[in-house]
Amino acid sequence: MWKRKALKKKVRGAMKQTYWRMVSVCFLAAMVAGLYPISATFLGTQAVIPSIERNMAAPFSAEITNSQIISSLADRLFEDSLLSDFFNSPFSTVADFIIELGSTSSSAFFSLLRAVNNFFIENWNLSTLLLIVGVVISFLYQIFVRNILNIGEKRFFLENHSYRQTPISKIFFLYKLRCIQRPAWIMFCRSAFQFLWNLTIVGGVIKYYEYSMIPYILAENPQISRKDAFFLTRQLMRHNKYRLFVMHVSFAGWKLLSLLTFGLLDFAFVNPYMTGTEAELYLNLRRNYVLSRSPRYECLNDSYLEHVPSEDELLISKALYDDSRGPYTQISYFAPEQYPVFLFSVQPPFKAVRSPIKADRNYSFLSCVFLFHTFSILGWGAEMAIQILINGTASGIFCPVSPWMPIYGIFGTLILLICRRLIKKPAIVFLLNFVFYTVLEFAMSLIAELITGSKPWDYSGYSFNIAGRVYAGGSVSAALFGCAFLYYIAPRLTDRFMKLRKSVKITVCVCLTLLFAADILLNVLS
């Protein structure tokens, strides 16, 4: 028997010790995987009820909102019907608000609706084809990124129960293990079954709570079969579905406060509090299930989630462990208050284990020049791809022909030079990235307007924007991109770049710089 108040008390105790890690993991899950759409609505998209036209589609956002897509399709499919009248009535404002809060523009479902809506407007054309490609990409993203990070987030909270130094990178643990196919398949089946049950409305609510433990089961045992995963979640949630529902309702007050703070309270407290409480519930249910030796309990095979081995136990286990079973037995070290990864049931292939990344390394002048061009091209490519796949056009991109976006190159070089010394303080690094990008984008907007006579982009319809030149969601996305560049992309690329002969490195940098200068000249002349 589990008690809601006892679970919450444990989570609050854990938050006192690992607050920033818990917040960081939930923030990554919200911004990268879209697991908390209500939290990211005010940051990552246009204003919840858009009313102002804008000249340029912002990075990482859709040209029209999800509520506008549904309203447009309703007008075309159900013209002069009650449904069409509803979307044009005052009640539609409330419906729009709910749709925007509970959805993301990157979801496969809304990507499909966007393609259908474009087909009705323009029939078959290049934009429709690109939007269909976007549907496929969104579908694959949901299966191999969103669902996998969902499991990784649950793994972090399960380990954090007993190991207070659990790293934030645990959210990517399935990628590190190269164990993706089976968890992705099981999570896809869960989504498909949930969608079908949602058509019955009541059945959808019941199945939502029945399937709620599947990500936790996969976080404990990624190699479990689909039948076993669904069987265990049904067993764990038997007689517990209503109680979990009541526990979710108990957070309603916090959710209301979060809306009043435009989602900021969600990021700062509510999301880690709720997810941590669910993780505590899973650990409680699995403990009782394993102790009772219920059917297929052996599939819940990670005893180290709750049993923290002593240093002597670790040394003995390592001595008895067969080195041929996994590379972690050869490179593992006994980090204090961290899960002993070499004892996990799944071991990565030898080729997947690499030497630690030295993110605080020094960068030579040639390396900085190379990385400036690299980050400029990566930023341009990311914006171009997202605009084409979500909106079916790249007309909103500033300088859409150019394969360079200097703002990203300047931003990347700046964080390499300044944030490198703060590499062990990721929260401060992220905040600095946010500030740097905000200032850079605002300054470049002013400079471009002085040169061209018009704004290169306009974010006036977005929440938390400054004079339409910069908005919080874009800066947050860029700050995350910058962290990925600082902690992973730049060190890895530099390692490879430095292996080249000096003459080759100089040639590469000179060629890239000349092409960049020629590109700027062509843009100015045009």
Protein backbone atom coordinates (compact mmCIF):
# COMPACT_ATOMS: atom_id res chain seq x y z
CA MET A 1 0.00 0.00 0.00
CA TRP A 2 1.44 3.33 -1.03
CA LYS A 3 0.59 6.73 0.36
CA ARG A 4 0.63 9.83 -1.79
CA LYS A 5 1.90 12.16 0.92
CA ALA A 6 4.80 9.83 1.77
CA LEU A 7 5.90 9.72 -1.88
CA LYS A 8 5.78 13.51 -2.19
CA LYS A 9 7.76 13.89 1.01
CA LYS A 10 10.54 11.68 -0.38
CA VAL A 11 10.68 13.72 -3.59
CA ARG A 12 10.88 17.01 -1.71
CA GLY A 13 13.77 15.56 0.28
CA ALA A 14 15.55 14.55 -2.92
CA MET A 15 14.98 17.99 -4.46
CA LYS A 16 16.84 19.63 -1.58
CA GLN A 17 19.96 17.71 -2.60
CA THR A 18 19.69 17.41 -6.38
CA TYR A 19 17.41 20.30 -7.32
CA TRP A 20 19.39 21.64 -10.28
CA ARG A 21 19.89 18.22 -11.82
CA MET A 22 16.20 17.39 -11.60
CA VAL A 23 15.21 20.75 -13.05
CA SER A 24 17.80 20.45 -15.84
CA VAL A 25 16.63 17.00 -16.91
CA CYS A 26 12.98 18.06 -17.03
CA PHE A 27 13.96 21.23 -18.91
CA LEU A 28 15.79 19.16 -21.54
CA ALA A 29 12.82 16.80 -21.78
CA ALA A 30 10.49 19.76 -22.32
CA MET A 31 12.56 21.68 -24.86
CA VAL A 32 14.15 18.83 -26.83
CA ALA A 33 11.53 16.08 -26.60
CA GLY A 34 8.39 18.16 -26.01
CA LEU A 35 7.36 16.02 -23.04
CA TYR A 36 5.84 18.97 -21.17
CA PRO A 37 3.93 20.97 -23.82
CA ILE A 38 2.21 23.21 -21.26
CA SER A 39 5.60 24.30 -19.90
CA ALA A 40 7.07 25.14 -23.29
CA THR A 41 4.00 26.80 -24.81
CA PHE A 42 4.88 30.29 -23.66
CA LEU A 43 8.56 29.93 -24.65
CA GLY A 44 8.76 27.75 -27.72
CA THR A 45 5.85 28.90 -29.84
CA GLN A 46 3.92 31.92 -30.95
CA ALA A 47 1.60 33.58 -28.43
CA VAL A 48 -1.10 31.12 -27.33
CA ILE A 49 -3.80 33.08 -29.18
CA PRO A 50 -1.93 34.63 -32.14
CA SER A 51 -3.26 37.95 -33.37
CA ILE A 52 -0.30 39.78 -34.91
CA GLU A 53 1.08 39.05 -38.36
CA ARG A 54 4.82 38.53 -38.59
CA ASN A 55 7.22 38.76 -41.50
CA MET A 56 9.44 35.83 -40.73
CA ALA A 57 8.93 32.41 -39.23
CA ALA A 58 11.00 32.14 -36.09
CA PRO A 59 13.54 29.36 -35.57
CA PHE A 60 12.12 26.12 -34.23
CA SER A 61 8.48 27.24 -34.66
CA ALA A 62 5.60 26.67 -37.05
CA GLU A 63 4.28 29.41 -39.33
CA ILE A 64 0.68 28.81 -38.21
CA THR A 65 -0.32 27.46 -34.84
CA ASN A 66 -1.99 24.12 -34.17
CA SER A 67 -5.31 25.74 -33.26
CA GLN A 68 -5.30 27.70 -36.55
CA ILE A 69 -4.72 24.47 -38.49
CA ILE A 70 -7.66 22.73 -36.84
CA SER A 71 -9.91 25.75 -37.36
CA SER A 72 -8.92 26.02 -41.03
CA LEU A 73 -9.55 22.33 -41.67
CA ALA A 74 -12.91 22.49 -39.87
CA ASP A 75 -13.98 25.38 -42.12
CA ARG A 76 -13.09 23.42 -45.25
CA LEU A 77 -14.31 19.96 -44.25
CA PHE A 78 -17.42 20.95 -42.32
CA GLU A 79 -18.52 24.15 -44.03
CA ASP A 80 -21.81 25.57 -42.71
CA SER A 81 -22.00 22.87 -40.03
CA LEU A 82 -22.21 23.10 -36.26
CA LEU A 83 -18.52 22.18 -35.95
CA SER A 84 -17.48 25.01 -38.28
CA ASP A 85 -19.72 27.43 -36.38
CA PHE A 86 -18.10 26.35 -33.11
CA PHE A 87 -14.61 27.23 -34.34
CA ASN A 88 -15.88 30.67 -35.33
CA SER A 89 -17.74 31.25 -32.06
CA PRO A 90 -16.47 32.95 -28.87
CA PHE A 91 -16.03 29.48 -27.36
CA SER A 92 -13.27 28.79 -29.89
CA THR A 93 -10.91 31.05 -27.94
CA VAL A 94 -11.00 28.64 -25.01
CA ALA A 95 -10.58 25.69 -27.38
CA ASP A 96 -7.57 27.38 -29.05
CA PHE A 97 -6.01 28.01 -25.65
CA ILE A 98 -6.39 24.35 -24.63
CA ILE A 99 -5.04 23.06 -27.96
CA GLU A 100 -1.96 25.28 -27.81
CA LEU A 101 -1.25 24.34 -24.20
CA GLY A 102 -1.50 20.60 -24.81
CA SER A 103 0.34 20.23 -28.11
CA THR A 104 3.58 21.02 -29.91
CA SER A 105 4.15 22.04 -33.52
CA SER A 106 6.70 19.23 -33.94
CA SER A 107 4.22 16.41 -33.26
CA ALA A 108 3.61 13.99 -36.13
CA PHE A 109 -0.16 14.41 -35.84
CA PHE A 110 -0.13 18.18 -36.30
CA SER A 111 2.52 17.90 -39.01
CA LEU A 112 0.05 15.68 -40.90
CA LEU A 113 -2.78 18.18 -40.38
CA ARG A 114 -0.50 20.95 -41.63
CA ALA A 115 0.20 19.01 -44.85
CA VAL A 116 -3.51 18.28 -45.38
CA ASN A 117 -4.36 21.95 -44.81
CA ASN A 118 -1.72 23.05 -47.34
CA PHE A 119 -3.12 20.56 -49.88
CA PHE A 120 -6.58 22.13 -49.62
CA ILE A 121 -5.10 25.60 -50.13
CA GLU A 122 -2.68 24.91 -53.00
CA ASN A 123 -3.30 21.30 -54.05
CA TRP A 124 -0.12 19.40 -54.95
CA ASN A 125 2.96 21.57 -55.07
CA LEU A 126 6.49 21.60 -53.71
CA SER A 127 5.35 22.94 -50.32
CA THR A 128 2.90 20.07 -49.90
CA LEU A 129 5.60 17.55 -50.81
CA LEU A 130 8.02 19.08 -48.32
CA LEU A 131 5.33 19.07 -45.63
CA ILE A 132 4.72 15.38 -46.28
CA VAL A 133 8.45 14.79 -45.85
CA GLY A 134 8.09 16.80 -42.64
CA VAL A 135 5.36 14.41 -41.48
CA VAL A 136 7.71 11.47 -41.96
CA ILE A 137 10.54 13.27 -40.17
CA SER A 138 8.21 14.24 -37.30
CA PHE A 139 7.02 10.64 -37.05
CA LEU A 140 10.59 9.34 -36.88
CA TYR A 141 11.53 12.07 -34.40
CA GLN A 142 8.70 11.04 -32.12
CA ILE A 143 9.75 7.37 -32.24
CA PHE A 144 13.52 7.67 -32.02
CA VAL A 145 14.01 10.91 -30.10
CA ARG A 146 10.98 11.90 -28.05
CA ASN A 147 10.15 8.39 -26.83
CA ILE A 148 13.79 7.50 -26.18
CA LEU A 149 14.40 10.68 -24.19
CA ASN A 150 11.19 10.01 -22.28
CA ILE A 151 12.68 6.70 -21.13
CA GLY A 152 16.00 8.39 -20.39
CA GLU A 153 14.30 10.99 -18.21
CA LYS A 154 12.60 8.22 -16.22
CA ARG A 155 15.95 6.45 -15.84
CA PHE A 156 17.48 9.58 -14.33
CA PHE A 157 14.74 9.84 -11.71
CA LEU A 158 14.93 6.13 -10.86
CA GLU A 159 18.67 6.34 -10.26
CA ASN A 160 18.38 9.67 -8.48
CA HIS A 161 16.30 7.92 -5.80
CA SER A 162 19.43 6.26 -4.38
CA TYR A 163 22.35 7.94 -6.18
CA ARG A 164 22.45 11.68 -5.55
CA GLN A 165 25.24 12.34 -8.08
CA THR A 166 23.35 10.89 -11.05
CA PRO A 167 24.55 12.88 -14.10
CA ILE A 168 22.18 14.88 -16.27
CA SER A 169 23.48 12.97 -19.29
CA LYS A 170 21.62 9.91 -18.02
CA ILE A 171 18.69 11.13 -20.13
CA PHE A 172 20.68 9.92 -23.17
CA PHE A 173 21.58 6.53 -21.69
CA LEU A 174 19.83 4.43 -24.37
CA TYR A 175 21.84 6.14 -27.10
CA LYS A 176 25.05 5.41 -25.21
CA LEU A 177 24.06 1.77 -24.83
CA ARG A 178 23.05 1.58 -28.52
CA CYS A 179 19.87 -0.04 -27.27
CA ILE A 180 17.15 1.79 -29.18
CA GLN A 181 15.17 -0.51 -31.46
CA ARG A 182 13.22 -2.52 -28.89
CA PRO A 183 12.34 0.41 -26.57
CA ALA A 184 11.34 2.48 -29.61
CA TRP A 185 9.08 -0.33 -30.86
CA ILE A 186 7.40 -0.83 -27.49
CA MET A 187 6.82 2.91 -27.04
CA PHE A 188 5.42 3.11 -30.58
CA CYS A 189 2.99 0.28 -29.76
CA ARG A 190 2.01 2.11 -26.60
CA SER A 191 1.27 5.31 -28.57
CA ALA A 192 -0.67 3.39 -31.25
CA PHE A 193 -2.79 1.51 -28.73
CA GLN A 194 -3.37 4.70 -26.76
CA PHE A 195 -4.52 6.52 -29.91
CA LEU A 196 -7.03 3.78 -30.74
CA TRP A 197 -8.34 3.69 -27.19
CA ASN A 198 -8.67 7.49 -27.22
CA LEU A 199 -11.37 7.13 -29.85
CA THR A 200 -13.57 5.63 -27.14
CA ILE A 201 -12.79 8.60 -24.80
CA VAL A 202 -13.41 6.73 -21.52
CA GLY A 203 -11.22 3.82 -22.61
CA GLY A 204 -8.50 6.30 -23.50
CA VAL A 205 -8.40 7.67 -19.96
CA ILE A 206 -8.29 4.18 -18.44
CA LYS A 207 -5.55 2.99 -20.78
CA TYR A 208 -3.52 6.16 -20.22
CA TYR A 209 -3.12 5.20 -16.58
CA GLU A 210 -2.75 1.51 -17.34
CA TYR A 211 0.15 2.19 -19.73
CA SER A 212 1.75 4.87 -17.53
CA MET A 213 4.45 2.55 -16.13
CA ILE A 214 5.81 1.39 -19.51
CA PRO A 215 8.55 4.10 -19.76
CA TYR A 216 9.72 3.21 -16.23
CA ILE A 217 9.77 -0.51 -17.00
CA LEU A 218 11.85 0.16 -20.13
CA ALA A 219 14.13 2.45 -18.13
CA GLU A 220 14.84 -0.46 -15.79
CA ASN A 221 15.00 -3.17 -18.44
CA PRO A 222 15.38 -1.90 -22.05
CA GLN A 223 15.57 -5.46 -23.40
CA ILE A 224 12.20 -6.58 -22.09
CA SER A 225 9.74 -7.93 -24.66
CA ARG A 226 6.65 -6.03 -25.70
CA LYS A 227 4.27 -8.61 -24.20
CA ASP A 228 6.11 -8.58 -20.89
CA ALA A 229 6.18 -4.78 -20.74
CA PHE A 230 2.44 -4.48 -21.31
CA PHE A 231 1.72 -7.35 -18.94
CA LEU A 232 3.78 -5.81 -16.14
CA THR A 233 2.27 -2.34 -16.51
CA ARG A 234 -1.21 -3.86 -16.26
CA GLN A 235 -0.20 -5.79 -13.17
CA LEU A 236 1.49 -2.84 -11.49
CA MET A 237 -1.47 -0.53 -12.14
CA ARG A 238 -4.17 -2.99 -11.13
CA HIS A 239 -6.25 -1.26 -8.43
CA ASN A 240 -3.87 1.73 -8.68
CA LYS A 241 -5.18 3.62 -11.72
CA TYR A 242 -7.68 5.69 -9.77
CA ARG A 243 -5.16 6.42 -7.06
CA LEU A 244 -2.66 7.67 -9.63
CA PHE A 245 -5.43 9.81 -11.12
CA VAL A 246 -6.09 11.33 -7.69
CA MET A 247 -2.36 11.96 -7.30
CA HIS A 248 -2.31 13.84 -10.61
CA VAL A 249 -5.35 15.87 -9.54
CA SER A 250 -3.51 16.81 -6.34
CA PHE A 251 -1.05 18.76 -8.54
CA ALA A 252 -3.84 20.81 -10.14
CA GLY A 253 -3.16 23.77 -7.87
CA TRP A 254 0.50 23.82 -8.86
CA LYS A 255 -0.46 23.64 -12.55
CA LEU A 256 -2.79 26.60 -12.15
CA LEU A 257 -0.03 28.60 -10.49
CA SER A 258 2.26 27.58 -13.36
CA LEU A 259 -0.18 29.02 -15.90
CA LEU A 260 -0.30 32.26 -13.94
CA THR A 261 3.51 32.42 -14.11
CA PHE A 262 3.50 31.63 -17.88
CA GLY A 263 4.97 28.16 -17.35
CA LEU A 264 8.01 29.31 -15.39
CA LEU A 265 6.90 27.52 -12.21
CA ASP A 266 6.60 24.31 -14.23
CA PHE A 267 10.26 24.52 -15.19
CA ALA A 268 11.42 25.59 -11.74
CA PHE A 269 9.45 23.15 -9.60
CA VAL A 270 6.29 21.39 -10.81
CA ASN A 271 7.71 19.15 -13.57
CA PRO A 272 10.53 17.61 -11.46
CA TYR A 273 8.16 17.35 -8.48
CA MET A 274 5.52 15.43 -10.47
CA THR A 275 7.95 13.21 -12.36
CA GLY A 276 9.93 12.47 -9.20
CA THR A 277 6.72 11.47 -7.41
CA GLU A 278 5.77 9.12 -10.25
CA ALA A 279 9.24 7.56 -10.13
CA GLU A 280 8.85 6.99 -6.38
CA LEU A 281 5.49 5.37 -7.06
CA TYR A 282 7.03 3.02 -9.63
CA LEU A 283 9.81 2.01 -7.24
CA ASN A 284 7.23 1.31 -4.55
CA LEU A 285 5.04 -0.78 -6.87
CA ARG A 286 7.96 -2.76 -8.34
CA ARG A 287 9.38 -3.44 -4.88
CA ASN A 288 6.09 -4.97 -3.70
CA TYR A 289 5.69 -6.88 -6.95
CA VAL A 290 9.20 -8.38 -6.82
CA LEU A 291 8.95 -9.28 -3.12
CA SER A 292 5.65 -11.07 -3.74
CA ARG A 293 7.25 -13.10 -6.56
CA SER A 294 4.35 -12.25 -8.85
CA PRO A 295 4.27 -13.47 -12.48
CA ARG A 296 7.26 -12.36 -14.59
CA TYR A 297 8.77 -10.42 -11.71
CA GLU A 298 12.22 -11.50 -12.93
CA CYS A 299 11.86 -8.99 -15.80
CA LEU A 300 12.24 -6.25 -13.19
CA ASN A 301 15.89 -7.18 -12.86
CA ASP A 302 17.69 -4.02 -11.70
CA SER A 303 18.10 -4.51 -7.97
CA TYR A 304 20.74 -1.76 -7.80
CA LEU A 305 18.06 0.91 -8.22
CA GLU A 306 17.36 0.55 -4.52
CA HIS A 307 20.24 -1.55 -3.20
CA VAL A 308 23.32 0.68 -3.16
CA PRO A 309 26.40 -1.58 -3.17
CA SER A 310 29.28 -0.82 -0.86
CA GLU A 311 32.79 -0.25 -2.20
CA ASP A 312 33.77 -3.80 -1.18
CA GLU A 313 30.80 -5.23 -3.07
CA LEU A 314 31.78 -3.25 -6.14
CA LEU A 315 35.37 -4.46 -6.01
CA ILE A 316 34.28 -8.08 -5.60
CA SER A 317 31.70 -7.76 -8.39
CA LYS A 318 34.29 -6.27 -10.71
CA ALA A 319 36.80 -8.99 -9.89
CA LEU A 320 34.24 -11.73 -10.59
CA TYR A 321 32.79 -10.04 -13.64
CA ASP A 322 33.61 -11.50 -17.06
CA ASP A 323 35.38 -8.72 -18.98
CA SER A 324 34.16 -10.10 -22.29
CA ARG A 325 30.59 -9.14 -21.46
CA GLY A 326 31.08 -5.43 -21.83
CA PRO A 327 33.61 -2.60 -22.06
CA TYR A 328 32.42 -0.88 -18.89
CA THR A 329 34.20 -3.55 -16.87
CA GLN A 330 37.49 -2.29 -18.26
CA ILE A 331 37.01 1.47 -18.05
CA SER A 332 34.57 1.90 -15.17
CA TYR A 333 35.51 3.75 -12.04
CA PHE A 334 33.65 3.84 -8.77
CA ALA A 335 32.19 7.33 -8.78
CA PRO A 336 30.71 8.20 -5.41
CA GLU A 337 26.93 8.21 -5.31
CA GLN A 338 26.59 7.14 -8.93
CA TYR A 339 24.99 3.99 -10.29
CA PRO A 340 27.60 1.26 -11.08
CA VAL A 341 27.10 1.17 -14.84
CA PHE A 342 29.27 -1.91 -15.36
CA LEU A 343 26.67 -3.91 -13.41
CA PHE A 344 23.72 -2.82 -15.54
CA SER A 345 21.94 -5.61 -17.43
CA VAL A 346 22.70 -4.00 -20.82
CA GLN A 347 26.27 -3.26 -21.87
CA PRO A 348 27.17 -1.15 -24.93
CA PRO A 349 29.26 -2.53 -27.80
CA PHE A 350 32.99 -1.85 -27.52
CA LYS A 351 32.92 0.61 -30.42
CA ALA A 352 30.29 2.70 -28.62
CA VAL A 353 32.56 3.43 -25.66
CA ARG A 354 34.79 6.43 -26.29
CA SER A 355 37.27 8.35 -24.27
CA PRO A 356 35.77 11.16 -22.18
CA ILE A 357 35.21 14.44 -23.97
CA LYS A 358 37.46 17.29 -22.82
CA ALA A 359 35.04 20.18 -23.15
CA ASP A 360 37.37 22.52 -21.25
CA ARG A 361 40.18 22.07 -23.74
CA ASN A 362 42.09 24.96 -25.31
CA TYR A 363 41.25 25.99 -28.88
CA SER A 364 43.89 27.28 -31.27
CA PHE A 365 43.27 30.17 -33.67
CA LEU A 366 42.80 27.80 -36.62
CA SER A 367 40.36 25.71 -34.59
CA CYS A 368 38.31 28.80 -33.73
CA VAL A 369 38.16 29.83 -37.40
CA PHE A 370 37.08 26.33 -38.43
CA LEU A 371 34.46 26.12 -35.67
CA PHE A 372 33.11 29.59 -36.55
CA HIS A 373 32.32 28.39 -40.07
CA THR A 374 31.08 25.04 -38.84
CA PHE A 375 28.61 26.54 -36.37
CA SER A 376 27.48 29.14 -38.94
CA ILE A 377 26.69 26.39 -41.45
CA LEU A 378 25.08 24.12 -38.84
CA GLY A 379 22.85 26.97 -37.66
CA TRP A 380 21.81 27.82 -41.20
CA GLY A 381 21.14 24.17 -41.97
CA ALA A 382 19.06 23.67 -38.82
CA GLU A 383 16.87 26.71 -39.48
CA MET A 384 16.49 25.88 -43.16
CA ALA A 385 15.53 22.24 -42.48
CA ILE A 386 13.02 23.13 -39.75
CA GLN A 387 11.36 25.84 -41.85
CA ILE A 388 11.08 23.61 -44.91
CA LEU A 389 9.82 20.56 -43.05
CA ILE A 390 7.34 22.40 -40.81
CA ASN A 391 6.17 25.22 -43.10
CA GLY A 392 6.96 23.77 -46.54
CA THR A 393 8.97 26.86 -47.51
CA ALA A 394 12.24 28.60 -46.68
CA SER A 395 11.04 32.06 -47.68
CA GLY A 396 11.05 33.21 -44.05
CA ILE A 397 14.76 32.58 -43.54
CA PHE A 398 16.96 35.69 -43.57
CA CYS A 399 19.43 35.21 -46.47
CA PRO A 400 17.81 31.88 -47.51
CA VAL A 401 20.39 31.14 -50.25
CA SER A 402 23.45 31.58 -48.08
CA PRO A 403 24.90 28.46 -46.39
CA TRP A 404 26.16 30.68 -43.55
CA MET A 405 24.38 32.40 -40.66
CA PRO A 406 27.12 34.49 -39.01
CA ILE A 407 25.11 35.00 -35.82
CA TYR A 408 25.60 31.33 -34.97
CA GLY A 409 29.30 31.44 -35.81
CA ILE A 410 29.87 34.50 -33.62
CA PHE A 411 27.74 32.95 -30.88
CA GLY A 412 29.63 29.64 -31.00
CA THR A 413 33.05 31.30 -30.95
CA LEU A 414 32.01 33.56 -28.08
CA ILE A 415 30.86 30.72 -25.84
CA LEU A 416 34.00 28.71 -26.62
CA LEU A 417 36.20 31.56 -25.44
CA ILE A 418 34.16 32.64 -22.40
CA CYS A 419 32.16 29.64 -21.15
CA ARG A 420 34.96 27.08 -21.46
CA ARG A 421 36.22 27.93 -17.96
CA LEU A 422 32.74 27.35 -16.50
CA ILE A 423 32.29 23.94 -18.09
CA LYS A 424 31.55 22.25 -14.74
CA LYS A 425 28.65 24.62 -14.08
CA PRO A 426 26.16 23.81 -16.87
CA ALA A 427 23.35 25.92 -15.38
CA ILE A 428 25.52 29.06 -15.50
CA VAL A 429 26.75 28.13 -18.98
CA PHE A 430 23.17 27.84 -20.22
CA LEU A 431 22.19 31.21 -18.73
CA LEU A 432 25.24 32.87 -20.31
CA ASN A 433 24.40 31.29 -23.65
CA PHE A 434 20.87 32.65 -23.34
CA VAL A 435 22.12 36.17 -22.62
CA PHE A 436 24.79 36.10 -25.35
CA TYR A 437 22.39 34.95 -28.05
CA THR A 438 19.68 37.41 -27.00
CA VAL A 439 22.09 40.35 -27.20
CA LEU A 440 23.56 39.13 -30.51
CA GLU A 441 20.21 38.61 -32.21
CA PHE A 442 18.91 41.98 -31.04
CA ALA A 443 22.09 43.73 -32.23
CA MET A 444 22.07 41.96 -35.62
CA SER A 445 18.42 42.87 -36.12
CA LEU A 446 19.25 46.53 -35.54
CA ILE A 447 22.29 46.42 -37.84
CA ALA A 448 20.38 44.62 -40.61
CA GLU A 449 17.52 47.12 -40.37
CA LEU A 450 19.95 50.04 -40.64
CA ILE A 451 21.52 48.49 -43.75
CA THR A 452 18.38 47.22 -45.53
CA GLY A 453 15.76 49.62 -44.17
CA SER A 454 13.45 46.87 -42.88
CA LYS A 455 13.38 44.30 -40.11
CA PRO A 456 14.94 40.99 -41.20
CA TRP A 457 12.55 39.16 -38.83
CA ASP A 458 9.62 40.05 -36.62
CA TYR A 459 8.67 38.14 -33.48
CA SER A 460 5.88 40.52 -32.48
CA GLY A 461 3.35 37.69 -32.19
CA TYR A 462 5.44 35.77 -29.68
CA SER A 463 5.34 35.75 -25.91
CA PHE A 464 8.26 37.43 -24.12
CA ASN A 465 9.57 39.30 -27.17
CA ILE A 466 11.60 42.54 -27.14
CA ALA A 467 10.44 44.96 -29.85
CA GLY A 468 9.81 41.97 -32.12
CA ARG A 469 13.57 41.53 -32.54
CA VAL A 470 14.15 38.64 -30.15
CA TYR A 471 11.95 36.34 -28.10
CA ALA A 472 12.55 33.97 -25.22
CA GLY A 473 11.76 30.72 -27.05
CA GLY A 474 14.32 31.36 -29.78
CA SER A 475 16.98 32.29 -27.24
CA VAL A 476 16.26 29.17 -25.18
CA SER A 477 16.54 26.93 -28.28
CA ALA A 478 19.78 28.64 -29.31
CA ALA A 479 21.18 28.31 -25.77
CA LEU A 480 20.52 24.56 -25.84
CA PHE A 481 22.12 24.36 -29.28
CA GLY A 482 25.09 26.28 -27.88
CA CYS A 483 25.45 23.88 -24.96
CA ALA A 484 25.48 20.93 -27.38
CA PHE A 485 28.15 22.73 -29.41
CA LEU A 486 30.28 23.54 -26.35
CA TYR A 487 30.04 20.19 -24.57
CA TYR A 488 30.05 17.77 -27.51
CA ILE A 489 30.22 19.06 -31.10
CA ALA A 490 33.20 21.43 -30.78
CA PRO A 491 35.49 19.04 -28.83
CA ARG A 492 34.74 16.12 -31.17
CA LEU A 493 35.22 18.15 -34.35
CA THR A 494 38.38 19.74 -32.99
CA ASP A 495 39.85 16.32 -32.19
CA ARG A 496 39.42 15.34 -35.83
CA PHE A 497 40.47 18.71 -37.21
CA MET A 498 43.71 18.70 -35.21
CA LYS A 499 44.69 15.34 -36.72
CA LEU A 500 45.07 17.01 -40.11
CA ARG A 501 48.41 18.33 -41.28
CA LYS A 502 48.99 22.02 -40.63
CA SER A 503 49.01 22.87 -44.33
CA VAL A 504 45.64 21.15 -44.78
CA LYS A 505 44.18 22.97 -41.78
CA ILE A 506 45.32 26.34 -43.12
CA THR A 507 43.94 25.53 -46.59
CA VAL A 508 40.54 24.53 -45.18
CA CYS A 509 40.27 27.70 -43.08
CA VAL A 510 41.36 29.99 -45.93
CA CYS A 511 38.92 28.40 -48.40
CA LEU A 512 36.00 28.64 -45.97
CA THR A 513 36.83 32.27 -45.18
CA LEU A 514 37.08 33.24 -48.87
CA LEU A 515 33.76 31.54 -49.63
CA PHE A 516 32.18 33.31 -46.67
CA ALA A 517 33.52 36.70 -47.82
CA ALA A 518 32.28 36.08 -51.37
CA ASP A 519 28.88 35.11 -50.00
CA ILE A 520 28.62 38.35 -48.00
CA LEU A 521 29.67 40.39 -51.06
CA LEU A 522 27.02 38.73 -53.25
CA ASN A 523 24.33 39.35 -50.63
CA VAL A 524 25.31 43.01 -50.32
CA LEU A 525 25.34 43.53 -54.11
CA SER A 526 21.98 41.80 -54.51
